[in-house]
Amino acid sequence: MNLIEITETIHGEAPFQGSPCLLVRLAGCNISCPYCDTNSDEKFKMSIDKLIQVLEGTKLKDVLITGGEPLLQSEEVISLIEQCTKRYVIETNGSIIIPDMPLGRQVTIVLDCKLHDNLEHFNILNLKRINSGDIVKFVFWDSQSFELGRDVILGNHMDVAQGVKWVFSPTYNLIAKGKLKQYVEDVIDLQKKLKHTETYFQVQIHKLLGVK
């Protein structure tokens, strides 16, 4: 597998924010997000067997598989999950159809809906591929991007599985400006309009704490 890093850290975002995990960051990405702060260039290679040894060697029960875009290596990711019993979170940018996950494994999908370029990179069919407990996340940087995310929810929330959670996450630059009160109020108002889905507002706790 093509990797950037493997490190013990904490979940910075929903659904297990703040809890310890083993971060497996895969190399390569098919989108250039304007706010991205991750260098997705490959740093090293590791066989699946070796990576399984690493996962089995940690006492941490959670594994966060992110990138880059991890589903560019979807066959390897599925093989890893099949062979090693952990609780997995897979963070994907939504451009690639989410594959079927192995039965009997704890896998949570964080579908990071990219709002730039007017949703050009988001495959709407992925909303049919997620299940209760999965996350649809919107990273927003201004009022226009926030409203685009809100439109996605209002147009699709009745078609997703019950128990899917919608999460709004401001960029770090927007947090630094300290003008988030209105967005929080907007998320509260949005929740009142929804039926069987839940809406959240979150900040990236790992960045506030200065960890990966």
Protein backbone atom coordinates (compact mmCIF):
# COMPACT_ATOMS: atom_id res chain seq x y z
CA MET A 1 0.00 0.00 0.00
CA ASN A 2 1.12 3.57 -0.63
CA LEU A 3 1.29 5.52 2.61
CA ILE A 4 2.03 8.95 4.02
CA GLU A 5 2.16 8.11 7.71
CA ILE A 6 1.04 5.80 10.51
CA THR A 7 0.80 7.32 13.96
CA GLU A 8 -1.05 7.01 17.25
CA THR A 9 -3.21 10.06 17.85
CA ILE A 10 -6.80 11.01 18.65
CA HIS A 11 -9.86 11.24 16.45
CA GLY A 12 -10.08 14.92 15.53
CA GLU A 13 -13.56 14.75 14.08
CA ALA A 14 -16.90 12.97 14.36
CA PRO A 15 -18.02 10.34 15.12
CA PHE A 16 -15.45 9.45 17.81
CA GLN A 17 -13.96 12.89 18.39
CA GLY A 18 -11.30 12.97 21.10
CA SER A 19 -10.86 9.19 21.48
CA PRO A 20 -7.48 7.53 20.77
CA CYS A 21 -6.90 5.89 17.42
CA LEU A 22 -4.23 4.63 15.07
CA LEU A 23 -4.11 6.98 12.09
CA VAL A 24 -3.31 5.30 8.77
CA ARG A 25 -2.93 8.02 6.14
CA LEU A 26 -2.83 6.68 2.60
CA ALA A 27 -1.06 8.47 -0.21
CA GLY A 28 -2.61 9.90 -3.34
CA CYS A 29 -5.63 12.10 -3.95
CA ASN A 30 -7.81 12.81 -6.97
CA ILE A 31 -9.00 16.27 -5.81
CA SER A 32 -7.14 19.48 -5.03
CA CYS A 33 -9.17 21.16 -2.31
CA PRO A 34 -8.25 24.84 -1.85
CA TYR A 35 -8.14 24.54 1.95
CA CYS A 36 -6.27 21.22 2.15
CA ASP A 37 -3.27 21.18 4.48
CA THR A 38 -2.17 17.59 3.77
CA ASN A 39 0.66 16.63 1.44
CA SER A 40 -0.72 13.47 -0.18
CA ASP A 41 2.55 12.45 -1.85
CA GLU A 42 3.69 8.92 -1.11
CA LYS A 43 6.30 8.65 1.66
CA PHE A 44 6.71 4.88 1.81
CA LYS A 45 5.20 1.53 0.77
CA MET A 46 4.07 -1.29 3.04
CA SER A 47 2.58 -4.68 2.28
CA ILE A 48 -0.86 -5.52 3.62
CA ASP A 49 0.64 -8.30 5.73
CA LYS A 50 3.08 -5.87 7.34
CA LEU A 51 0.35 -3.31 7.95
CA ILE A 52 -1.80 -5.99 9.58
CA GLN A 53 1.11 -6.70 11.93
CA VAL A 54 1.22 -3.00 12.82
CA LEU A 55 -2.51 -2.91 13.50
CA GLU A 56 -2.42 -6.07 15.56
CA GLY A 57 0.54 -4.71 17.50
CA THR A 58 -1.30 -1.67 18.83
CA LYS A 59 -3.61 -1.88 21.83
CA LEU A 60 -5.77 0.87 20.34
CA LYS A 61 -9.09 -0.50 19.13
CA ASP A 62 -9.80 2.29 16.62
CA VAL A 63 -8.18 2.68 13.21
CA LEU A 64 -8.76 5.84 11.17
CA ILE A 65 -8.07 5.30 7.47
CA THR A 66 -7.79 8.61 5.66
CA GLY A 67 -5.67 10.32 3.05
CA GLY A 68 -5.31 11.69 0.50
CA GLU A 69 -8.20 9.64 -0.77
CA PRO A 70 -8.12 6.12 0.72
CA LEU A 71 -10.58 4.63 -1.77
CA LEU A 72 -8.01 5.04 -4.53
CA GLN A 73 -6.65 1.89 -2.85
CA SER A 74 -10.06 0.41 -2.09
CA GLU A 75 -9.15 -3.24 -2.78
CA GLU A 76 -6.29 -3.06 -0.32
CA VAL A 77 -8.42 -1.25 2.27
CA ILE A 78 -11.13 -3.92 2.05
CA SER A 79 -8.54 -6.69 2.34
CA LEU A 80 -7.07 -5.02 5.43
CA ILE A 81 -10.48 -4.77 7.11
CA GLU A 82 -11.30 -8.39 6.24
CA GLN A 83 -8.12 -9.69 7.85
CA CYS A 84 -7.77 -7.52 10.96
CA THR A 85 -10.53 -7.01 13.54
CA LYS A 86 -10.59 -3.39 14.69
CA ARG A 87 -13.15 -0.57 14.76
CA TYR A 88 -12.55 1.32 11.52
CA VAL A 89 -13.38 4.83 10.40
CA ILE A 90 -12.86 5.51 6.69
CA GLU A 91 -12.81 9.15 5.60
CA THR A 92 -13.49 9.55 1.87
CA ASN A 93 -14.03 12.61 -0.30
CA GLY A 94 -17.17 11.25 -1.93
CA SER A 95 -15.91 11.21 -5.51
CA ILE A 96 -15.46 7.42 -5.64
CA ILE A 97 -18.34 4.99 -5.12
CA ILE A 98 -18.05 3.48 -1.65
CA PRO A 99 -17.50 -0.30 -1.91
CA ASP A 100 -19.38 -2.88 0.13
CA MET A 101 -17.73 -3.32 3.50
CA PRO A 102 -16.89 -6.79 4.88
CA LEU A 103 -19.70 -8.32 6.92
CA GLY A 104 -19.11 -8.58 10.63
CA ARG A 105 -16.70 -5.65 10.80
CA GLN A 106 -17.27 -2.32 12.56
CA VAL A 107 -16.82 0.28 9.84
CA THR A 108 -17.99 3.89 9.96
CA ILE A 109 -17.90 5.96 6.77
CA VAL A 110 -17.20 9.69 6.95
CA LEU A 111 -18.35 11.03 3.60
CA ASP A 112 -16.58 14.37 3.21
CA CYS A 113 -18.75 16.21 0.68
CA LYS A 114 -16.49 18.64 -1.17
CA LEU A 115 -18.32 21.93 -1.62
CA HIS A 116 -15.87 23.72 -3.90
CA ASP A 117 -16.35 23.78 -7.68
CA ASN A 118 -20.12 23.59 -7.10
CA LEU A 119 -20.09 19.93 -5.98
CA GLU A 120 -18.32 18.83 -9.16
CA HIS A 121 -16.38 16.15 -7.26
CA PHE A 122 -19.23 14.74 -5.19
CA ASN A 123 -20.95 11.56 -6.41
CA ILE A 124 -24.50 11.89 -5.14
CA LEU A 125 -25.00 8.11 -5.43
CA ASN A 126 -22.80 7.69 -2.36
CA LEU A 127 -25.68 8.99 -0.23
CA LYS A 128 -27.35 5.65 -1.00
CA ARG A 129 -24.23 3.75 0.08
CA ILE A 130 -24.07 4.94 3.67
CA ASN A 131 -25.84 3.55 6.72
CA SER A 132 -27.04 4.53 10.17
CA GLY A 133 -24.17 5.96 12.19
CA ASP A 134 -22.24 7.11 9.14
CA ILE A 135 -21.36 10.77 8.68
CA VAL A 136 -21.81 13.24 5.84
CA LYS A 137 -19.41 16.10 6.52
CA PHE A 138 -19.33 19.57 4.98
CA VAL A 139 -16.14 21.58 5.40
CA PHE A 140 -17.17 25.20 4.78
CA TRP A 141 -15.16 28.42 4.60
CA ASP A 142 -17.78 31.13 4.00
CA SER A 143 -21.55 31.68 3.88
CA GLN A 144 -21.83 30.50 0.27
CA SER A 145 -20.17 27.15 0.94
CA PHE A 146 -22.25 26.71 4.11
CA GLU A 147 -25.46 27.34 2.18
CA LEU A 148 -24.43 24.83 -0.49
CA GLY A 149 -24.00 22.17 2.18
CA ARG A 150 -27.36 23.07 3.66
CA ASP A 151 -28.97 22.69 0.22
CA VAL A 152 -27.51 19.18 -0.09
CA ILE A 153 -29.14 18.22 3.20
CA LEU A 154 -32.52 19.76 2.44
CA GLY A 155 -32.59 18.12 -0.99
CA ASN A 156 -31.52 14.64 0.11
CA HIS A 157 -32.18 14.04 3.81
CA MET A 158 -35.34 12.00 3.18
CA ASP A 159 -33.45 9.64 0.86
CA VAL A 160 -30.60 8.60 3.15
CA ALA A 161 -30.66 5.84 5.76
CA GLN A 162 -32.18 6.71 9.10
CA GLY A 163 -29.49 7.59 11.61
CA VAL A 164 -27.04 9.17 9.16
CA LYS A 165 -25.51 12.28 10.74
CA TRP A 166 -24.84 15.55 8.90
CA VAL A 167 -21.85 17.50 10.21
CA PHE A 168 -20.76 21.06 9.44
CA SER A 169 -17.07 21.74 10.03
CA PRO A 170 -15.57 25.24 9.58
CA THR A 171 -12.06 25.58 8.20
CA TYR A 172 -9.37 26.55 10.68
CA ASN A 173 -9.04 29.99 9.06
CA LEU A 174 -12.74 30.62 9.63
CA ILE A 175 -12.39 29.57 13.27
CA ALA A 176 -9.52 32.03 13.69
CA LYS A 177 -11.74 34.87 12.55
CA GLY A 178 -14.10 34.13 15.44
CA LYS A 179 -17.30 34.70 13.48
CA LEU A 180 -19.08 31.38 13.86
CA LYS A 181 -22.09 32.31 16.01
CA GLN A 182 -24.44 32.74 13.05
CA TYR A 183 -23.41 29.38 11.58
CA VAL A 184 -24.14 27.65 14.88
CA GLU A 185 -27.58 29.26 14.92
CA ASP A 186 -28.14 28.16 11.32
CA VAL A 187 -27.31 24.53 12.21
CA ILE A 188 -29.78 24.67 15.10
CA ASP A 189 -32.44 26.06 12.78
CA LEU A 190 -31.69 23.39 10.17
CA GLN A 191 -32.12 20.61 12.74
CA LYS A 192 -35.63 21.85 13.46
CA LYS A 193 -36.58 21.35 9.80
CA LEU A 194 -35.39 17.75 9.56
CA LYS A 195 -37.33 14.59 10.31
CA HIS A 196 -35.25 11.49 10.97
CA THR A 197 -31.73 12.83 10.54
CA GLU A 198 -29.41 14.71 12.89
CA THR A 199 -27.26 17.77 12.26
CA TYR A 200 -24.09 18.68 14.11
CA PHE A 201 -21.58 21.50 14.28
CA GLN A 202 -17.98 20.56 15.00
CA VAL A 203 -14.48 21.99 15.04
CA GLN A 204 -11.40 19.92 14.30
CA ILE A 205 -10.24 19.28 17.85
CA HIS A 206 -6.90 17.81 16.79
CA LYS A 207 -5.93 21.08 15.10
CA LEU A 208 -6.97 23.11 18.13
CA LEU A 209 -4.79 20.84 20.27
CA GLY A 210 -1.91 20.98 17.83
CA VAL A 211 -1.78 17.24 17.01
CA LYS A 212 -2.07 15.30 13.77
